[in-house]
Amino acid sequence: MTDRAAFTASGGNGTYNWSVSPTIGVDPTTGTGSTFTAVYNSAVIYQVTLRDTAGSTANCAVRVQAF
């Protein structure tokens, strides 16, 4: 089972840094830039966090279910 999710950031200041938690069953777990795409391989709820260079953050939950 795999599922893919893509995210796009706008606004904010400077470089965007992405991270995913938990890190098991997802590739990649981090990224930089205005877009981020990850492939999820486990049925779990993942938290995707976006940070800009000013320290502002945004979060999104991704729920992956078994097929």
N, C-alpha and C. Protein backbone atom coordinates (compact mmCIF):
# COMPACT_ATOMS: atom_id res chain seq x y z
N MET A 1 0.85 -1.16 0.00
CA MET A 1 0.00 0.00 0.00
C MET A 1 0.90 1.23 0.00
N THR A 2 0.63 2.15 -0.87
CA THR A 2 1.29 3.45 -0.85
C THR A 2 0.28 4.53 -1.17
N ASP A 3 0.51 5.69 -0.64
CA ASP A 3 -0.33 6.84 -0.89
C ASP A 3 0.58 8.04 -1.00
N ARG A 4 0.26 8.97 -1.88
CA ARG A 4 1.11 10.13 -2.13
C ARG A 4 0.33 11.39 -1.78
N ALA A 5 1.01 12.36 -1.16
CA ALA A 5 0.41 13.65 -0.86
C ALA A 5 1.38 14.75 -1.26
N ALA A 6 0.85 15.82 -1.87
CA ALA A 6 1.66 16.95 -2.29
C ALA A 6 1.18 18.21 -1.56
N PHE A 7 2.12 19.04 -1.15
CA PHE A 7 1.83 20.27 -0.42
C PHE A 7 2.50 21.44 -1.11
N THR A 8 1.87 22.61 -1.06
CA THR A 8 2.43 23.83 -1.63
C THR A 8 2.32 24.95 -0.61
N ALA A 9 3.41 25.70 -0.44
CA ALA A 9 3.44 26.82 0.50
C ALA A 9 3.51 28.13 -0.27
N SER A 10 2.92 29.17 0.32
CA SER A 10 3.06 30.52 -0.23
C SER A 10 3.03 31.52 0.91
N GLY A 11 3.50 32.72 0.65
CA GLY A 11 3.60 33.71 1.72
C GLY A 11 4.80 33.39 2.58
N GLY A 12 4.82 33.86 3.80
CA GLY A 12 5.92 33.56 4.70
C GLY A 12 7.19 34.29 4.32
N ASN A 13 8.28 33.93 4.95
CA ASN A 13 9.56 34.60 4.75
C ASN A 13 10.66 33.61 4.45
N GLY A 14 11.38 33.84 3.39
CA GLY A 14 12.58 33.06 3.09
C GLY A 14 12.31 31.64 2.67
N THR A 15 13.21 30.76 3.03
CA THR A 15 13.16 29.35 2.64
C THR A 15 12.15 28.58 3.48
N TYR A 16 11.44 27.66 2.83
CA TYR A 16 10.50 26.78 3.53
C TYR A 16 11.20 25.47 3.86
N ASN A 17 10.98 24.96 5.08
CA ASN A 17 11.51 23.67 5.51
C ASN A 17 10.35 22.78 5.94
N TRP A 18 10.28 21.59 5.36
CA TRP A 18 9.21 20.64 5.62
C TRP A 18 9.73 19.50 6.46
N SER A 19 8.87 18.93 7.33
CA SER A 19 9.21 17.72 8.06
C SER A 19 7.95 16.90 8.29
N VAL A 20 8.13 15.59 8.42
CA VAL A 20 7.02 14.66 8.62
C VAL A 20 7.30 13.83 9.87
N SER A 21 6.25 13.62 10.67
CA SER A 21 6.36 12.80 11.87
C SER A 21 5.11 11.94 11.98
N PRO A 22 5.18 10.67 12.31
CA PRO A 22 6.40 9.89 12.54
C PRO A 22 7.15 9.67 11.23
N THR A 23 8.40 9.29 11.32
CA THR A 23 9.24 9.13 10.14
C THR A 23 9.21 7.72 9.56
N ILE A 24 8.55 6.79 10.24
CA ILE A 24 8.48 5.40 9.76
C ILE A 24 7.40 5.31 8.68
N GLY A 25 7.74 4.71 7.55
CA GLY A 25 6.77 4.47 6.49
C GLY A 25 6.50 5.66 5.59
N VAL A 26 7.39 6.64 5.56
CA VAL A 26 7.23 7.81 4.70
C VAL A 26 8.57 8.15 4.06
N ASP A 27 8.54 8.57 2.79
CA ASP A 27 9.76 8.94 2.09
C ASP A 27 9.45 10.09 1.14
N PRO A 28 10.16 11.20 1.21
CA PRO A 28 11.18 11.56 2.19
C PRO A 28 10.55 12.08 3.48
N THR A 29 11.34 12.24 4.52
CA THR A 29 10.83 12.74 5.80
C THR A 29 11.06 14.24 5.97
N THR A 30 11.92 14.83 5.14
CA THR A 30 12.17 16.28 5.19
C THR A 30 12.34 16.81 3.77
N GLY A 31 12.20 18.13 3.64
CA GLY A 31 12.40 18.76 2.34
C GLY A 31 12.49 20.26 2.50
N THR A 32 12.92 20.94 1.42
CA THR A 32 12.97 22.39 1.40
C THR A 32 12.34 22.87 0.10
N GLY A 33 11.90 24.13 0.10
CA GLY A 33 11.29 24.71 -1.09
C GLY A 33 9.81 24.92 -0.91
N SER A 34 9.17 25.49 -1.92
CA SER A 34 7.75 25.83 -1.81
C SER A 34 6.82 24.64 -2.02
N THR A 35 7.34 23.53 -2.55
CA THR A 35 6.50 22.33 -2.70
C THR A 35 7.17 21.15 -2.02
N PHE A 36 6.35 20.20 -1.58
CA PHE A 36 6.84 19.00 -0.90
C PHE A 36 5.89 17.87 -1.22
N THR A 37 6.42 16.74 -1.69
CA THR A 37 5.62 15.55 -1.98
C THR A 37 6.25 14.38 -1.24
N ALA A 38 5.41 13.60 -0.58
CA ALA A 38 5.89 12.44 0.15
C ALA A 38 5.04 11.22 -0.20
N VAL A 39 5.66 10.05 -0.14
CA VAL A 39 4.97 8.78 -0.36
C VAL A 39 4.84 8.10 1.00
N TYR A 40 3.62 7.74 1.36
CA TYR A 40 3.32 7.14 2.66
C TYR A 40 3.05 5.66 2.47
N ASN A 41 3.70 4.81 3.29
CA ASN A 41 3.61 3.36 3.14
C ASN A 41 2.98 2.66 4.33
N SER A 42 2.54 3.38 5.34
CA SER A 42 1.95 2.78 6.53
C SER A 42 0.62 3.43 6.84
N ALA A 43 -0.31 2.65 7.35
CA ALA A 43 -1.63 3.16 7.74
C ALA A 43 -1.50 3.84 9.10
N VAL A 44 -1.38 5.15 9.09
CA VAL A 44 -1.18 5.93 10.31
C VAL A 44 -1.54 7.38 10.01
N ILE A 45 -1.63 8.21 11.02
CA ILE A 45 -1.82 9.65 10.83
C ILE A 45 -0.45 10.32 10.93
N TYR A 46 -0.05 11.00 9.86
CA TYR A 46 1.21 11.71 9.81
C TYR A 46 0.97 13.20 10.04
N GLN A 47 1.92 13.85 10.69
CA GLN A 47 1.88 15.29 10.90
C GLN A 47 2.93 15.91 9.98
N VAL A 48 2.50 16.78 9.08
CA VAL A 48 3.42 17.49 8.19
C VAL A 48 3.56 18.91 8.74
N THR A 49 4.79 19.34 8.96
CA THR A 49 5.06 20.66 9.51
C THR A 49 5.87 21.48 8.51
N LEU A 50 5.47 22.73 8.34
CA LEU A 50 6.16 23.67 7.47
C LEU A 50 6.69 24.81 8.33
N ARG A 51 7.98 25.16 8.16
CA ARG A 51 8.58 26.29 8.88
C ARG A 51 9.26 27.20 7.87
N ASP A 52 9.15 28.50 8.09
CA ASP A 52 9.91 29.43 7.26
C ASP A 52 11.09 29.97 8.07
N THR A 53 11.93 30.77 7.43
CA THR A 53 13.14 31.24 8.11
C THR A 53 12.84 32.23 9.22
N ALA A 54 11.64 32.80 9.26
CA ALA A 54 11.25 33.69 10.35
C ALA A 54 10.76 32.92 11.57
N GLY A 55 10.64 31.59 11.44
CA GLY A 55 10.19 30.76 12.55
C GLY A 55 8.71 30.50 12.58
N SER A 56 7.96 31.01 11.60
CA SER A 56 6.52 30.73 11.53
C SER A 56 6.30 29.28 11.12
N THR A 57 5.26 28.65 11.67
CA THR A 57 4.97 27.25 11.35
C THR A 57 3.52 27.07 10.92
N ALA A 58 3.29 26.02 10.16
CA ALA A 58 1.96 25.57 9.79
C ALA A 58 1.99 24.05 9.84
N ASN A 59 0.88 23.44 10.25
CA ASN A 59 0.80 21.98 10.38
C ASN A 59 -0.40 21.44 9.63
N CYS A 60 -0.26 20.20 9.18
CA CYS A 60 -1.34 19.51 8.48
C CYS A 60 -1.26 18.03 8.85
N ALA A 61 -2.40 17.42 9.12
CA ALA A 61 -2.45 15.99 9.40
C ALA A 61 -2.84 15.24 8.13
N VAL A 62 -2.14 14.14 7.86
CA VAL A 62 -2.42 13.28 6.71
C VAL A 62 -2.76 11.91 7.25
N ARG A 63 -3.98 11.45 6.99
CA ARG A 63 -4.40 10.14 7.46
C ARG A 63 -4.33 9.15 6.30
N VAL A 64 -3.51 8.11 6.48
CA VAL A 64 -3.36 7.06 5.48
C VAL A 64 -4.07 5.83 6.02
N GLN A 65 -5.01 5.30 5.25
CA GLN A 65 -5.78 4.14 5.66
C GLN A 65 -5.36 2.92 4.84
N ALA A 66 -5.54 1.75 5.41
CA ALA A 66 -5.26 0.51 4.68
C ALA A 66 -6.25 0.37 3.53
N PHE A 67 -5.79 -0.18 2.43
CA PHE A 67 -6.64 -0.37 1.25
C PHE A 67 -7.38 -1.68 1.35
